[in-house]
Amino acid sequence: MHKVGKPKNVFESEMPGFEIEGLLREAIGLKVTSIGKPIIDRAVQRRMRALALDNQDTYVEILKSSAVELRYLTEEVVIPETWFFRDREPFRAMTQYLVSNWAPRHSNSIFKVLSVPCSTGEEPYSIAMSILGAGWPPEKFSVHAVDISHRCITRAKEGIYTENSFRGSDLIYRSRYFQKHPKHYILKDYIREKVHFHTGNILNKAFMKELGFFDVIFFRNVLIYFDTHSKKQAIDTLCEILNNDGMVIVGHAEANLLSSFPFVPAPYQQAFAFYRKPKQVVYVERKNKKTVISPSSQQKKTYTKKHFPTPQKPKNKIPDLGLAHSLANKGELKKARIICQEYIDRYGPSAQAFFLLGIIHEAANDADQAEKLFRKTLYLDPNHEEALIFLLLLTQKKDDDTESRILKKRIARVQGEKATLQHNDQSHTAVEPNKTLLNDNADS
């Protein structure tokens, strides 16, 4: 007579799944609802078949004790989908920042860029091609690339790509930087050697800090898959490895996520680039002296008035919004604001000038004036996506649900129109910009 065991109830049968989700959340910060439980379940089934297991409890025990198996499961869940120069504007913004902003202040330094996650290498190689294409000397820059997937890093180092990695109508770079073979394209060595690949996790702060400091960080379309704790952890790490005057570039769906952190938008349209927020300085009048108090150090330094000469307005000098942008980036908000206002006084209303002024006032914590300026920007350019996004952030802070809904619809419409235009220029179906997709349809 066979002994009949007690059947598991529903809660007990779901426990292995909960444990696996918890292990993935702890390992890579994955928010399960961002991809759906069925995707994870199918990834688990693939790994169980590979190990010839039919008991999920047994697999959970292996997963708990084996870092290697956890990595294999992660790679089943994290499937790359990317291509070269996906979204051109971030690369244009990077080279413009390099030539106009960074270079004049770092003549003897190496320009360092980080791509994380780098997937199979298309983004970091696009970064290297962009910098070389701008005429920058190869010995004066370096690109580092990080991904949690060992499989992706291995493919990236090989530098061998199929037609699927080349999309859009502008493929001039392909004939310049690749060698054509019957079934694939091989990246030329001098491009491949400019990128240093690392297998690692953005949530491992010690590992990320070992890479050093960076002037530009590409961190696109990752935060949307993280839980709240992991988002904060990742952004805190970025703050620590980003140089004081550096720039971080995120995906369009993540721009609003940086509002709670010390970042302000950089004036590069459609790039979704951010600078570190300038530290505020408090001036205290004391007879013939001014005391400058830095909130970070709380140390006092005294300067006589002769160190603060009143700037003389140059005669007939054309107001330069590029200079205003550079000054704002260095925290010289008053000078930047004067240039923008002079530009408007001379040339009339300008969406670009109003938007930059809005950023300046937002950095100075003048939300009311920033809101007015973003509205002026939208009056002149109703499809100005960055102005819409930051106006949305301001209305959300005021708990204005009605206008927030209206702005969300406008943003969705603008993004939809942009996606349609991009789709018309592409021979393949468009997906989210250069992200590590979490998919369920790859068994390789």
Protein backbone atom coordinates (compact mmCIF):
# COMPACT_ATOMS: atom_id res chain seq x y z
CA MET A 1 0.00 0.00 0.00
CA HIS A 2 1.42 3.34 -1.03
CA LYS A 3 1.58 6.18 1.41
CA VAL A 4 -0.30 9.23 0.21
CA GLY A 5 1.38 12.54 1.01
CA LYS A 6 -0.46 15.65 2.07
CA PRO A 7 -1.22 17.83 -0.98
CA LYS A 8 0.31 21.31 -1.07
CA ASN A 9 -2.06 24.23 -0.78
CA VAL A 10 -1.98 27.14 -3.23
CA PHE A 11 0.24 29.27 -1.01
CA GLU A 12 2.83 26.50 -0.67
CA SER A 13 2.84 25.86 -4.43
CA GLU A 14 3.59 29.50 -5.10
CA MET A 15 6.43 29.77 -2.58
CA PRO A 16 9.25 28.68 -4.98
CA GLY A 17 8.14 31.37 -7.45
CA PHE A 18 8.17 34.05 -4.77
CA GLU A 19 11.65 32.99 -3.67
CA ILE A 20 12.97 33.10 -7.23
CA GLU A 21 11.50 36.56 -7.76
CA GLY A 22 13.10 37.68 -4.51
CA LEU A 23 16.50 36.34 -5.58
CA LEU A 24 16.27 38.18 -8.93
CA ARG A 25 15.18 41.37 -7.18
CA GLU A 26 18.12 41.14 -4.80
CA ALA A 27 20.61 40.30 -7.55
CA ILE A 28 19.65 42.80 -10.26
CA GLY A 29 17.01 45.03 -8.65
CA LEU A 30 14.32 43.62 -10.94
CA LYS A 31 10.75 44.79 -10.40
CA VAL A 32 8.80 41.73 -11.46
CA THR A 33 5.70 43.70 -12.49
CA SER A 34 7.81 45.55 -15.08
CA ILE A 35 8.15 42.41 -17.20
CA GLY A 36 5.46 40.06 -15.97
CA LYS A 37 5.63 36.84 -13.99
CA PRO A 38 5.13 34.52 -17.04
CA ILE A 39 8.45 35.67 -18.52
CA ILE A 40 10.29 34.69 -15.36
CA ASP A 41 8.41 31.38 -15.15
CA ARG A 42 9.44 30.44 -18.70
CA ALA A 43 13.05 31.41 -18.01
CA VAL A 44 13.01 29.16 -14.93
CA GLN A 45 11.58 26.27 -16.99
CA ARG A 46 14.36 26.65 -19.56
CA ARG A 47 17.03 26.49 -16.84
CA MET A 48 15.34 23.49 -15.19
CA ARG A 49 15.32 21.65 -18.52
CA ALA A 50 19.01 22.46 -18.99
CA LEU A 51 19.72 20.91 -15.56
CA ALA A 52 17.35 17.96 -16.14
CA LEU A 53 15.23 18.95 -13.12
CA ASP A 54 11.49 18.50 -12.70
CA ASN A 55 11.14 19.84 -9.17
CA GLN A 56 11.12 23.59 -8.70
CA ASP A 57 11.90 23.34 -4.99
CA THR A 58 15.15 21.59 -5.88
CA TYR A 59 15.95 24.27 -8.41
CA VAL A 60 15.35 27.02 -5.82
CA GLU A 61 17.85 25.37 -3.47
CA ILE A 62 20.43 25.23 -6.27
CA LEU A 63 19.72 28.87 -7.11
CA LYS A 64 20.27 29.92 -3.50
CA SER A 65 23.63 28.17 -3.24
CA SER A 66 25.06 28.76 -6.73
CA ALA A 67 26.08 32.20 -7.93
CA VAL A 68 26.80 30.65 -11.33
CA GLU A 69 23.24 29.34 -11.73
CA LEU A 70 21.82 32.70 -10.59
CA ARG A 71 23.88 34.31 -13.35
CA TYR A 72 22.55 31.81 -15.90
CA LEU A 73 18.96 32.53 -14.88
CA THR A 74 19.62 36.26 -15.04
CA GLU A 75 20.86 35.89 -18.59
CA GLU A 76 17.70 33.96 -19.52
CA VAL A 77 15.61 36.87 -18.25
CA VAL A 78 17.75 39.71 -19.58
CA ILE A 79 17.73 39.53 -23.36
CA PRO A 80 19.47 42.29 -25.35
CA GLU A 81 17.78 44.25 -28.13
CA THR A 82 19.83 47.16 -29.41
CA TRP A 83 21.50 48.57 -32.50
CA PHE A 84 24.07 51.14 -33.52
CA PHE A 85 23.23 54.81 -32.99
CA ARG A 86 19.80 54.07 -31.55
CA ASP A 87 18.42 57.59 -31.05
CA ARG A 88 20.94 59.98 -32.57
CA GLU A 89 20.39 62.93 -30.25
CA PRO A 90 22.21 61.56 -27.16
CA PHE A 91 25.34 60.98 -29.25
CA ARG A 92 25.11 64.48 -30.76
CA ALA A 93 24.65 65.92 -27.27
CA MET A 94 27.74 64.07 -26.02
CA THR A 95 29.99 65.34 -28.82
CA GLN A 96 28.63 68.89 -28.50
CA TYR A 97 29.25 68.78 -24.76
CA LEU A 98 32.78 67.45 -25.38
CA VAL A 99 33.81 70.08 -27.92
CA SER A 100 32.00 73.17 -26.60
CA ASN A 101 31.85 72.60 -22.86
CA TRP A 102 34.33 70.02 -21.61
CA ALA A 103 37.36 70.61 -23.85
CA PRO A 104 37.97 74.31 -22.97
CA ARG A 105 38.23 73.39 -19.27
CA HIS A 106 40.18 70.11 -19.50
CA SER A 107 42.91 70.62 -22.07
CA ASN A 108 45.26 68.10 -20.44
CA SER A 109 42.71 65.45 -19.43
CA ILE A 110 41.30 62.26 -20.93
CA PHE A 111 37.59 62.38 -21.78
CA LYS A 112 35.97 59.33 -20.14
CA VAL A 113 32.57 57.89 -21.05
CA LEU A 114 30.67 55.00 -19.46
CA SER A 115 27.94 52.87 -21.07
CA VAL A 116 25.89 50.82 -18.60
CA PRO A 117 24.33 48.43 -19.37
CA CYS A 118 26.17 47.99 -22.64
CA SER A 119 24.37 44.87 -23.89
CA THR A 120 26.19 43.44 -26.94
CA GLY A 121 28.30 46.55 -27.49
CA GLU A 122 26.39 48.64 -30.03
CA GLU A 123 26.05 51.65 -27.73
CA PRO A 124 29.66 51.94 -26.48
CA TYR A 125 31.01 51.39 -30.00
CA SER A 126 28.62 54.11 -31.25
CA ILE A 127 30.06 56.39 -28.57
CA ALA A 128 33.61 55.73 -29.79
CA MET A 129 32.62 56.30 -33.42
CA SER A 130 30.87 59.57 -32.51
CA ILE A 131 33.92 60.95 -30.69
CA LEU A 132 36.30 60.00 -33.48
CA GLY A 133 33.86 61.37 -36.04
CA ALA A 134 33.96 64.72 -34.24
CA GLY A 135 37.71 64.86 -34.90
CA TRP A 136 38.77 64.11 -31.32
CA PRO A 137 42.20 62.42 -31.02
CA PRO A 138 41.92 58.70 -30.16
CA GLU A 139 44.51 59.01 -27.39
CA LYS A 140 42.45 61.72 -25.68
CA PHE A 141 39.39 59.65 -24.75
CA SER A 142 38.38 56.26 -23.37
CA VAL A 143 35.09 54.38 -23.30
CA HIS A 144 34.15 51.84 -20.62
CA ALA A 145 31.19 49.49 -20.92
CA VAL A 146 29.49 47.40 -18.23
CA ASP A 147 26.83 44.68 -18.37
CA ILE A 148 25.67 42.04 -15.94
CA SER A 149 25.53 39.43 -18.72
CA HIS A 150 28.76 37.55 -19.36
CA ARG A 151 27.21 36.28 -22.59
CA CYS A 152 26.62 39.84 -23.83
CA ILE A 153 30.12 40.98 -22.91
CA THR A 154 31.64 38.05 -24.78
CA ARG A 155 29.69 38.91 -27.93
CA ALA A 156 30.54 42.61 -27.58
CA LYS A 157 34.27 41.93 -27.39
CA GLU A 158 34.10 39.91 -30.61
CA GLY A 159 32.78 42.94 -32.53
CA ILE A 160 30.87 40.81 -35.06
CA TYR A 161 27.37 41.98 -36.03
CA THR A 162 24.53 41.03 -38.36
CA GLU A 163 22.17 43.23 -40.38
CA ASN A 164 19.86 43.50 -37.36
CA SER A 165 22.37 45.79 -35.60
CA PHE A 166 22.15 48.37 -38.40
CA ARG A 167 18.87 50.23 -38.68
CA GLY A 168 17.68 53.48 -40.18
CA SER A 169 18.64 55.11 -43.44
CA ASP A 170 21.96 56.74 -42.44
CA LEU A 171 24.50 53.91 -42.56
CA ILE A 172 27.56 55.78 -43.81
CA TYR A 173 29.44 54.83 -40.65
CA ARG A 174 29.10 51.13 -41.51
CA SER A 175 31.32 51.31 -44.58
CA ARG A 176 33.84 53.40 -42.65
CA TYR A 177 34.18 51.37 -39.46
CA PHE A 178 33.25 47.80 -40.49
CA GLN A 179 34.53 45.13 -42.84
CA LYS A 180 31.80 43.41 -44.86
CA HIS A 181 31.61 39.61 -44.90
CA PRO A 182 28.97 37.46 -46.59
CA LYS A 183 26.79 37.04 -43.49
CA HIS A 184 28.05 39.65 -41.04
CA TYR A 185 30.09 42.80 -40.42
CA ILE A 186 33.33 42.88 -38.41
CA LEU A 187 34.20 46.02 -36.49
CA LYS A 188 37.65 47.39 -37.30
CA ASP A 189 40.26 46.85 -34.62
CA TYR A 190 41.01 50.52 -33.92
CA ILE A 191 37.37 51.04 -32.89
CA ARG A 192 37.12 47.81 -30.93
CA GLU A 193 40.27 48.65 -28.98
CA LYS A 194 38.82 51.97 -27.78
CA VAL A 195 36.17 50.25 -25.62
CA HIS A 196 37.03 48.49 -22.34
CA PHE A 197 34.37 45.93 -21.36
CA HIS A 198 33.58 44.79 -17.81
CA THR A 199 31.15 42.19 -16.49
CA GLY A 200 29.46 43.62 -13.42
CA ASN A 201 26.36 44.98 -11.74
CA ILE A 202 25.43 48.67 -11.43
CA LEU A 203 24.09 47.84 -7.95
CA ASN A 204 27.57 46.76 -6.82
CA LYS A 205 28.89 50.14 -5.70
CA ALA A 206 32.39 48.88 -4.88
CA PHE A 207 32.77 47.42 -8.38
CA MET A 208 31.49 50.57 -10.07
CA LYS A 209 33.79 52.85 -8.05
CA GLU A 210 36.79 50.78 -9.12
CA LEU A 211 36.14 51.95 -12.70
CA GLY A 212 36.98 55.53 -11.72
CA PHE A 213 35.21 58.79 -12.55
CA PHE A 214 33.45 59.67 -15.79
CA ASP A 215 32.59 62.82 -17.71
CA VAL A 216 29.54 61.34 -19.46
CA ILE A 217 27.48 58.31 -18.41
CA PHE A 218 24.95 56.63 -20.70
CA PHE A 219 22.38 54.93 -18.44
CA ARG A 220 19.37 54.49 -20.67
CA ASN A 221 16.16 52.53 -20.08
CA VAL A 222 17.24 50.57 -17.03
CA LEU A 223 15.58 52.38 -14.13
CA ILE A 224 12.12 51.53 -15.45
CA TYR A 225 12.81 47.88 -14.56
CA PHE A 226 14.16 48.55 -11.05
CA ASP A 227 12.22 48.57 -7.81
CA THR A 228 12.24 51.76 -5.73
CA HIS A 229 15.20 50.78 -3.55
CA SER A 230 17.33 49.72 -6.52
CA LYS A 231 16.54 52.94 -8.42
CA LYS A 232 17.89 55.02 -5.54
CA GLN A 233 20.89 52.74 -5.12
CA ALA A 234 21.78 52.95 -8.82
CA ILE A 235 21.40 56.74 -9.04
CA ASP A 236 23.40 57.25 -5.85
CA THR A 237 26.21 55.20 -7.42
CA LEU A 238 26.06 57.27 -10.61
CA CYS A 239 26.38 60.44 -8.54
CA GLU A 240 29.53 59.09 -6.91
CA ILE A 241 31.30 58.18 -10.16
CA LEU A 242 30.15 61.19 -12.22
CA ASN A 243 32.62 64.08 -12.30
CA ASN A 244 31.37 67.34 -10.78
CA ASP A 245 30.81 68.91 -14.19
CA GLY A 246 29.78 65.65 -15.85
CA MET A 247 26.61 64.68 -17.69
CA VAL A 248 24.34 61.64 -17.42
CA ILE A 249 22.02 60.53 -20.24
CA VAL A 250 18.90 58.45 -19.54
CA GLY A 251 15.96 57.16 -21.56
CA HIS A 252 12.95 59.38 -22.26
CA ALA A 253 10.74 57.35 -19.92
CA GLU A 254 13.19 57.91 -17.05
CA ALA A 255 13.67 61.69 -17.17
CA ASN A 256 11.10 62.28 -14.44
CA LEU A 257 12.82 59.74 -12.18
CA LEU A 258 15.81 62.06 -11.70
CA SER A 259 13.70 64.89 -10.27
CA SER A 260 14.23 63.68 -6.70
CA PHE A 261 18.01 63.64 -7.11
CA PRO A 262 20.62 66.41 -7.51
CA PHE A 263 20.28 66.73 -11.29
CA VAL A 264 19.06 69.46 -13.62
CA PRO A 265 18.26 69.00 -17.32
CA ALA A 266 20.96 69.88 -19.83
CA PRO A 267 19.75 71.99 -22.78
CA TYR A 268 20.12 69.32 -25.48
CA GLN A 269 16.78 68.63 -27.08
CA GLN A 270 15.66 65.00 -27.34
CA ALA A 271 18.83 63.80 -25.59
CA PHE A 272 17.39 63.53 -22.03
CA ALA A 273 20.72 64.61 -20.59
CA PHE A 274 21.24 65.93 -17.07
CA TYR A 275 23.92 67.80 -15.15
CA ARG A 276 24.61 67.53 -11.47
CA LYS A 277 22.69 70.26 -9.66
CA PRO A 278 24.94 73.19 -8.67
CA LYS A 279 25.48 73.54 -4.95
CA GLN A 280 23.79 76.61 -3.55
CA VAL A 281 25.88 79.38 -2.04
CA VAL A 282 24.54 81.70 0.64
CA TYR A 283 25.86 85.29 0.76
CA VAL A 284 25.74 87.21 4.05
CA GLU A 285 26.35 90.97 3.99
CA ARG A 286 28.69 92.28 6.72
CA LYS A 287 29.51 95.92 6.28
CA ASN A 288 32.29 95.99 3.66
CA LYS A 289 32.69 92.24 3.49
CA LYS A 290 30.78 89.25 2.15
CA THR A 291 30.86 85.84 3.82
CA VAL A 292 30.32 82.83 1.55
CA ILE A 293 28.82 79.79 3.27
CA SER A 294 28.94 76.48 1.45
CA PRO A 295 26.18 74.16 2.64
CA SER A 296 28.37 71.10 2.06
CA SER A 297 31.32 72.12 4.20
CA GLN A 298 29.80 74.90 6.34
CA GLN A 299 33.22 76.56 6.26
CA LYS A 300 33.32 80.35 6.11
CA LYS A 301 35.54 82.34 3.84
CA THR A 302 35.68 86.11 3.81
CA TYR A 303 36.29 88.23 0.74
CA THR A 304 36.48 91.99 0.42
CA LYS A 305 34.17 93.68 -2.08
CA LYS A 306 37.02 94.29 -4.50
CA HIS A 307 36.89 90.56 -5.28
CA PHE A 308 33.34 90.96 -6.62
CA PRO A 309 33.59 93.66 -9.29
CA THR A 310 30.40 94.61 -11.04
CA PRO A 311 30.53 93.02 -14.50
CA GLN A 312 30.53 95.50 -17.35
CA LYS A 313 28.10 94.70 -20.13
CA PRO A 314 30.13 94.31 -23.34
CA LYS A 315 29.01 96.61 -26.09
CA ASN A 316 27.62 95.09 -29.27
CA LYS A 317 28.49 91.57 -28.12
CA ILE A 318 26.08 88.90 -29.36
CA PRO A 319 24.46 87.05 -26.43
CA ASP A 320 25.64 83.45 -26.64
CA LEU A 321 23.16 80.85 -25.37
CA GLY A 322 25.92 78.23 -25.58
CA LEU A 323 27.95 80.29 -23.12
CA ALA A 324 24.87 80.68 -20.92
CA HIS A 325 24.48 76.93 -20.91
CA SER A 326 28.15 76.47 -19.94
CA LEU A 327 27.89 79.02 -17.12
CA ALA A 328 24.73 77.40 -15.78
CA ASN A 329 26.52 74.05 -15.79
CA LYS A 330 29.29 75.56 -13.61
CA GLY A 331 26.72 77.00 -11.18
CA GLU A 332 27.08 80.61 -12.33
CA LEU A 333 23.33 80.97 -12.61
CA LYS A 334 23.16 84.76 -12.41
CA LYS A 335 25.54 85.26 -15.35
CA ALA A 336 23.71 82.63 -17.37
CA ARG A 337 20.38 84.29 -16.65
CA ILE A 338 21.68 87.69 -17.78
CA ILE A 339 22.85 86.28 -21.11
CA CYS A 340 19.50 84.59 -21.76
CA GLN A 341 17.61 87.78 -20.97
CA GLU A 342 19.91 89.80 -23.23
CA TYR A 343 19.27 87.31 -26.02
CA ILE A 344 15.50 87.72 -25.61
CA ASP A 345 15.80 91.51 -25.42
CA ARG A 346 17.78 91.60 -28.67
CA TYR A 347 16.12 88.88 -30.75
CA GLY A 348 12.68 88.56 -29.22
CA PRO A 349 10.96 85.53 -27.67
CA SER A 350 12.92 82.28 -28.08
CA ALA A 351 11.84 78.78 -27.05
CA GLN A 352 15.49 77.79 -26.51
CA ALA A 353 16.20 80.82 -24.31
CA PHE A 354 12.98 80.42 -22.31
CA PHE A 355 13.71 76.72 -21.74
CA LEU A 356 17.27 77.43 -20.55
CA LEU A 357 15.95 80.16 -18.25
CA GLY A 358 13.45 77.66 -16.88
CA ILE A 359 16.26 75.23 -16.11
CA ILE A 360 18.24 78.01 -14.42
CA HIS A 361 15.32 79.01 -12.20
CA GLU A 362 14.57 75.38 -11.40
CA ALA A 363 18.20 74.91 -10.33
CA ALA A 364 17.80 77.96 -8.08
CA ASN A 365 14.66 76.37 -6.55
CA ASP A 366 12.42 79.10 -8.01
CA ALA A 367 9.64 76.73 -9.08
CA ASP A 368 7.04 79.41 -9.84
CA GLN A 369 9.26 81.29 -12.29
CA ALA A 370 10.51 78.04 -13.81
CA GLU A 371 6.91 77.00 -14.46
CA LYS A 372 6.13 80.31 -16.19
CA LEU A 373 9.18 79.96 -18.41
CA PHE A 374 8.39 76.38 -19.39
CA ARG A 375 4.89 77.55 -20.33
CA LYS A 376 6.39 80.30 -22.50
CA THR A 377 8.59 77.67 -24.15
CA LEU A 378 5.52 75.58 -24.97
CA TYR A 379 3.65 78.60 -26.30
CA LEU A 380 6.40 79.03 -28.90
CA ASP A 381 7.06 75.32 -29.39
CA PRO A 382 4.04 73.19 -28.33
CA ASN A 383 5.95 69.96 -29.05
CA HIS A 384 8.98 70.79 -26.88
CA GLU A 385 9.15 67.43 -25.11
CA GLU A 386 11.63 68.38 -22.36
CA ALA A 387 9.57 71.45 -21.41
CA LEU A 388 6.45 69.27 -21.23
CA ILE A 389 8.23 66.75 -19.00
CA PHE A 390 9.55 69.31 -16.54
CA LEU A 391 6.27 71.19 -16.44
CA LEU A 392 4.66 67.85 -15.60
CA LEU A 393 7.10 67.39 -12.73
CA LEU A 394 6.24 70.81 -11.34
CA THR A 395 2.48 70.21 -11.56
CA GLN A 396 2.87 66.82 -9.88
CA LYS A 397 4.69 68.47 -6.98
CA LYS A 398 1.63 70.76 -6.62
CA ASP A 399 -0.69 67.71 -6.74
CA ASP A 400 -2.51 69.19 -9.73
CA ASP A 401 -3.95 65.91 -11.01
CA THR A 402 -6.08 67.49 -13.74
CA GLU A 403 -3.24 69.28 -15.50
CA SER A 404 -0.90 66.35 -14.89
CA ARG A 405 -3.24 64.11 -16.88
CA ILE A 406 -3.40 66.66 -19.69
CA LEU A 407 0.39 66.99 -19.83
CA LYS A 408 0.86 63.21 -19.83
CA LYS A 409 -1.43 62.96 -22.85
CA ARG A 410 0.52 65.70 -24.63
CA ILE A 411 3.83 63.99 -23.90
CA ALA A 412 2.45 60.66 -25.13
CA ARG A 413 1.22 62.32 -28.34
CA VAL A 414 4.59 64.01 -28.99
CA GLN A 415 6.47 60.78 -28.31
CA GLY A 416 4.05 58.89 -30.53
CA GLU A 417 4.58 61.32 -33.40
CA LYS A 418 8.34 61.03 -32.96
CA ALA A 419 8.16 57.23 -32.95
CA THR A 420 6.08 57.29 -36.13
CA LEU A 421 8.62 59.48 -37.89
CA GLN A 422 11.46 57.21 -36.79
CA HIS A 423 9.54 54.13 -37.87
CA ASN A 424 9.12 55.55 -41.36
CA ASP A 425 12.91 55.87 -41.62
CA GLN A 426 13.63 52.35 -40.44
CA SER A 427 13.47 49.01 -42.15
CA HIS A 428 12.79 47.21 -38.86
CA THR A 429 10.11 47.58 -36.24
CA ALA A 430 11.14 50.10 -33.59
CA VAL A 431 11.41 49.14 -29.93
CA GLU A 432 12.50 51.02 -26.82
CA PRO A 433 15.79 52.97 -27.21
CA ASN A 434 19.00 50.97 -26.68
CA LYS A 435 17.88 49.12 -23.62
CA THR A 436 18.45 45.70 -22.20
CA LEU A 437 15.04 44.22 -22.94
CA LEU A 438 13.59 41.64 -20.66
CA ASN A 439 12.04 39.12 -22.99
CA ASP A 440 10.79 35.60 -23.03
CA ASN A 441 11.39 34.46 -26.56
CA ALA A 442 15.08 33.55 -26.67
CA ASP A 443 16.38 30.11 -25.84
CA SER A 444 19.89 30.77 -27.00
